[in-house]
Structures are given as C-alpha cells and as structure tokens.
Amino acid sequence: MNLTISGHHLDVTPAIREYVQNKLERITRHFDQVIDSHVILCIDNLTEKEKRQKAEINLRVAGKIVHVASAAHDLYAAIDMLMDRLDRQVVKYKQMLKDHDNACIKRMSEGGEEAAAAA
C-alpha cells in the first residue's frame, strides 16, 4: 500500500506520520486490498478561539475510491475520528463485495435447480 501524508498549513512531524501509519494498520487488517491512500492534514485558523484541525483521506481500493473527512479541535482527535469513520466505510464496502459475490452463486444454483426440475 502506498501512503502519502501531506500537511496544509502544517508541518508533518515524524510523530504524526507514525501515528497515522499505526492507525491505518487497523484498516489493512480488515481489508488488505488497499491500493494506495492519501492523507491530508490541515489547520483552519478561523479565529484564535476556533482553531479547527481537519483530517481527510482518499483510500483507493479495487473499483472504488473511499473519501472520508473529519474535524476536531485536536489533530489527534481528528485522526482518530477519521480512522473510525474509514473503518466503518471499509467494512461496509467489504460486506457489499461479499454479498454481491454470494448473490451470483445463489442465482446460479437457483437456475440450475429450475432447469433440473423442468427436465
């Protein structure tokens, strides 16, 4: 899996890079067919009271690009929220693939029974 981490109005430190990589390992445990991922971390300076830190990810898997974004007052909290949302999306995508494959098998087996009954 190719991983790109970039920062907007933010220097990506080795600690942040390692934190994101450790969190992404959870995603690859659920679904190992990830082609590449692009993480964007940014800080929006609205006012001094309202500093908002955002994290976004574009995860490319076979046949689909999963985009997830989150925002919080703390960058680590935004990354945690991002990975939770991404985990749910990846599990949902994996389940959809599994259900789709099983639907074809069920359809084929039903058609074979009908043909055998007609003969």
C-alpha atoms as a PDB file:
ATOM      1  CA  MET A   1       0.000   0.000   0.000  1.00  0.00           C
ATOM      2  CA  ASN A   2       1.325   3.402  -0.977  1.00  0.00           C
ATOM      3  CA  LEU A   3       0.814   6.016   1.720  1.00  0.00           C
ATOM      4  CA  THR A   4       1.102   9.763   1.147  1.00  0.00           C
ATOM      5  CA  ILE A   5       0.716  12.157   4.065  1.00  0.00           C
ATOM      6  CA  SER A   6       0.638  15.874   3.359  1.00  0.00           C
ATOM      7  CA  GLY A   7       0.018  18.893   5.532  1.00  0.00           C
ATOM      8  CA  HIS A   8      -1.760  22.123   4.694  1.00  0.00           C
ATOM      9  CA  HIS A   9      -0.620  24.985   6.960  1.00  0.00           C
ATOM     10  CA  LEU A  10       1.076  22.271   8.987  1.00  0.00           C
ATOM     11  CA  ASP A  11       4.447  20.554   9.099  1.00  0.00           C
ATOM     12  CA  VAL A  12       4.002  16.790   9.239  1.00  0.00           C
ATOM     13  CA  THR A  13       6.275  15.615  12.035  1.00  0.00           C
ATOM     14  CA  PRO A  14       7.576  12.051  12.314  1.00  0.00           C
ATOM     15  CA  ALA A  15       5.311  11.534  15.348  1.00  0.00           C
ATOM     16  CA  ILE A  16       2.189  12.458  13.370  1.00  0.00           C
ATOM     17  CA  ARG A  17       3.337  10.315  10.443  1.00  0.00           C
ATOM     18  CA  GLU A  18       3.875   7.308  12.719  1.00  0.00           C
ATOM     19  CA  TYR A  19       0.508   7.864  14.433  1.00  0.00           C
ATOM     20  CA  VAL A  20      -1.319   7.851  11.081  1.00  0.00           C
ATOM     21  CA  GLN A  21       0.555   4.746   9.915  1.00  0.00           C
ATOM     22  CA  ASN A  22      -0.315   2.877  13.121  1.00  0.00           C
ATOM     23  CA  LYS A  23      -3.981   3.802  12.755  1.00  0.00           C
ATOM     24  CA  LEU A  24      -4.031   2.698   9.107  1.00  0.00           C
ATOM     25  CA  GLU A  25      -2.813  -0.759  10.103  1.00  0.00           C
ATOM     26  CA  ARG A  26      -6.264  -1.381  11.564  1.00  0.00           C
ATOM     27  CA  ILE A  27      -7.804  -0.702   8.159  1.00  0.00           C
ATOM     28  CA  THR A  28      -5.435  -3.083   6.395  1.00  0.00           C
ATOM     29  CA  ARG A  29      -6.281  -5.799   8.925  1.00  0.00           C
ATOM     30  CA  HIS A  30      -9.932  -5.586   7.872  1.00  0.00           C
ATOM     31  CA  PHE A  31      -9.343  -5.206   4.149  1.00  0.00           C
ATOM     32  CA  ASP A  32      -5.958  -5.985   2.626  1.00  0.00           C
ATOM     33  CA  GLN A  33      -6.751  -4.971  -0.969  1.00  0.00           C
ATOM     34  CA  VAL A  34      -5.915  -1.284  -0.462  1.00  0.00           C
ATOM     35  CA  ILE A  35      -4.000   0.114  -3.435  1.00  0.00           C
ATOM     36  CA  ASP A  36      -2.978   3.492  -2.054  1.00  0.00           C
ATOM     37  CA  SER A  37      -4.053   6.161   0.379  1.00  0.00           C
ATOM     38  CA  HIS A  38      -3.573   9.907   0.505  1.00  0.00           C
ATOM     39  CA  VAL A  39      -3.955  11.644   3.866  1.00  0.00           C
ATOM     40  CA  ILE A  40      -4.324  15.435   4.088  1.00  0.00           C
ATOM     41  CA  LEU A  41      -3.947  17.126   7.466  1.00  0.00           C
ATOM     42  CA  CYS A  42      -4.734  20.820   7.759  1.00  0.00           C
ATOM     43  CA  ILE A  43      -5.346  23.580  10.272  1.00  0.00           C
ATOM     44  CA  ASP A  44      -8.010  26.213   9.662  1.00  0.00           C
ATOM     45  CA  ASN A  45      -7.289  29.399  11.570  1.00  0.00           C
ATOM     46  CA  LEU A  46     -10.736  30.915  11.773  1.00  0.00           C
ATOM     47  CA  THR A  47     -10.148  32.876  14.983  1.00  0.00           C
ATOM     48  CA  GLU A  48      -7.963  32.249  17.994  1.00  0.00           C
ATOM     49  CA  LYS A  49     -10.835  30.561  19.817  1.00  0.00           C
ATOM     50  CA  GLU A  50     -11.925  28.485  16.842  1.00  0.00           C
ATOM     51  CA  LYS A  51      -8.834  26.747  15.581  1.00  0.00           C
ATOM     52  CA  ARG A  52     -10.183  23.727  13.729  1.00  0.00           C
ATOM     53  CA  GLN A  53      -7.973  20.868  12.673  1.00  0.00           C
ATOM     54  CA  LYS A  54      -9.095  18.680   9.824  1.00  0.00           C
ATOM     55  CA  ALA A  55      -8.029  15.307   8.542  1.00  0.00           C
ATOM     56  CA  GLU A  56      -9.067  13.841   5.188  1.00  0.00           C
ATOM     57  CA  ILE A  57      -8.226  10.597   3.455  1.00  0.00           C
ATOM     58  CA  ASN A  58      -8.715   9.224  -0.040  1.00  0.00           C
ATOM     59  CA  LEU A  59      -8.375   5.465   0.077  1.00  0.00           C
ATOM     60  CA  ARG A  60      -8.223   3.715  -3.274  1.00  0.00           C
ATOM     61  CA  VAL A  61      -9.368   0.109  -3.291  1.00  0.00           C
ATOM     62  CA  ALA A  62     -10.193  -2.142  -6.206  1.00  0.00           C
ATOM     63  CA  GLY A  63     -13.032  -0.457  -8.077  1.00  0.00           C
ATOM     64  CA  LYS A  64     -13.691   2.422  -5.702  1.00  0.00           C
ATOM     65  CA  ILE A  65     -12.228   5.485  -4.000  1.00  0.00           C
ATOM     66  CA  VAL A  66     -13.349   5.966  -0.404  1.00  0.00           C
ATOM     67  CA  HIS A  67     -13.217   9.589   0.798  1.00  0.00           C
ATOM     68  CA  VAL A  68     -13.620  10.413   4.477  1.00  0.00           C
ATOM     69  CA  ALA A  69     -13.123  13.713   6.338  1.00  0.00           C
ATOM     70  CA  SER A  70     -13.286  14.761   9.968  1.00  0.00           C
ATOM     71  CA  ALA A  71     -12.628  17.888  12.017  1.00  0.00           C
ATOM     72  CA  ALA A  72     -11.887  18.494  15.703  1.00  0.00           C
ATOM     73  CA  HIS A  73     -10.071  20.921  17.990  1.00  0.00           C
ATOM     74  CA  ASP A  74      -7.170  18.471  18.366  1.00  0.00           C
ATOM     75  CA  LEU A  75      -5.359  16.928  15.381  1.00  0.00           C
ATOM     76  CA  TYR A  76      -5.019  13.532  17.059  1.00  0.00           C
ATOM     77  CA  ALA A  77      -8.751  13.504  17.846  1.00  0.00           C
ATOM     78  CA  ALA A  78      -9.487  14.350  14.209  1.00  0.00           C
ATOM     79  CA  ILE A  79      -7.273  11.471  13.073  1.00  0.00           C
ATOM     80  CA  ASP A  80      -8.982   9.068  15.497  1.00  0.00           C
ATOM     81  CA  MET A  81     -12.421  10.131  14.276  1.00  0.00           C
ATOM     82  CA  LEU A  82     -11.245   9.820  10.678  1.00  0.00           C
ATOM     83  CA  MET A  83      -9.996   6.271  11.170  1.00  0.00           C
ATOM     84  CA  ASP A  84     -13.202   5.214  12.926  1.00  0.00           C
ATOM     85  CA  ARG A  85     -15.285   6.515  10.025  1.00  0.00           C
ATOM     86  CA  LEU A  86     -12.939   4.983   7.475  1.00  0.00           C
ATOM     87  CA  ASP A  87     -13.062   1.644   9.261  1.00  0.00           C
ATOM     88  CA  ARG A  88     -16.864   1.606   9.059  1.00  0.00           C
ATOM     89  CA  GLN A  89     -16.778   2.531   5.352  1.00  0.00           C
ATOM     90  CA  VAL A  90     -14.233  -0.178   4.528  1.00  0.00           C
ATOM     91  CA  VAL A  91     -16.151  -2.843   6.450  1.00  0.00           C
ATOM     92  CA  LYS A  92     -19.342  -1.775   4.648  1.00  0.00           C
ATOM     93  CA  TYR A  93     -17.566  -1.971   1.269  1.00  0.00           C
ATOM     94  CA  LYS A  94     -16.118  -5.386   2.106  1.00  0.00           C
ATOM     95  CA  GLN A  95     -19.558  -6.663   3.146  1.00  0.00           C
ATOM     96  CA  MET A  96     -21.060  -5.324  -0.082  1.00  0.00           C
ATOM     97  CA  LEU A  97     -18.454  -7.205  -2.114  1.00  0.00           C
ATOM     98  CA  LYS A  98     -19.099 -10.385  -0.158  1.00  0.00           C
ATOM     99  CA  ASP A  99     -22.883 -10.097  -0.539  1.00  0.00           C
ATOM    100  CA  HIS A 100     -22.539  -9.370  -4.244  1.00  0.00           C
ATOM    101  CA  ASP A 101     -20.407 -12.496  -4.789  1.00  0.00           C
ATOM    102  CA  ASN A 102     -22.846 -14.656  -2.842  1.00  0.00           C
ATOM    103  CA  ALA A 103     -25.800 -13.291  -4.828  1.00  0.00           C
ATOM    104  CA  CYS A 104     -24.260 -14.583  -8.069  1.00  0.00           C
ATOM    105  CA  ILE A 105     -23.709 -18.028  -6.585  1.00  0.00           C
ATOM    106  CA  LYS A 106     -27.267 -18.162  -5.245  1.00  0.00           C
ATOM    107  CA  ARG A 107     -28.679 -17.080  -8.590  1.00  0.00           C
ATOM    108  CA  MET A 108     -26.682 -19.749 -10.427  1.00  0.00           C
ATOM    109  CA  SER A 109     -27.756 -22.501  -8.037  1.00  0.00           C
ATOM    110  CA  GLU A 110     -31.439 -21.476  -8.260  1.00  0.00           C
ATOM    111  CA  GLY A 111     -31.297 -21.529 -12.053  1.00  0.00           C
ATOM    112  CA  GLY A 112     -29.729 -24.990 -12.046  1.00  0.00           C
ATOM    113  CA  GLU A 113     -32.494 -26.397  -9.804  1.00  0.00           C
ATOM    114  CA  GLU A 114     -35.222 -24.960 -12.032  1.00  0.00           C
ATOM    115  CA  ALA A 115     -33.614 -26.429 -15.161  1.00  0.00           C
ATOM    116  CA  ALA A 116     -33.315 -29.836 -13.481  1.00  0.00           C
ATOM    117  CA  ALA A 117     -36.975 -29.699 -12.340  1.00  0.00           C
ATOM    118  CA  ALA A 118     -38.190 -28.781 -15.852  1.00  0.00           C
ATOM    119  CA  ALA A 119     -36.362 -31.716 -17.449  1.00  0.00           C
END
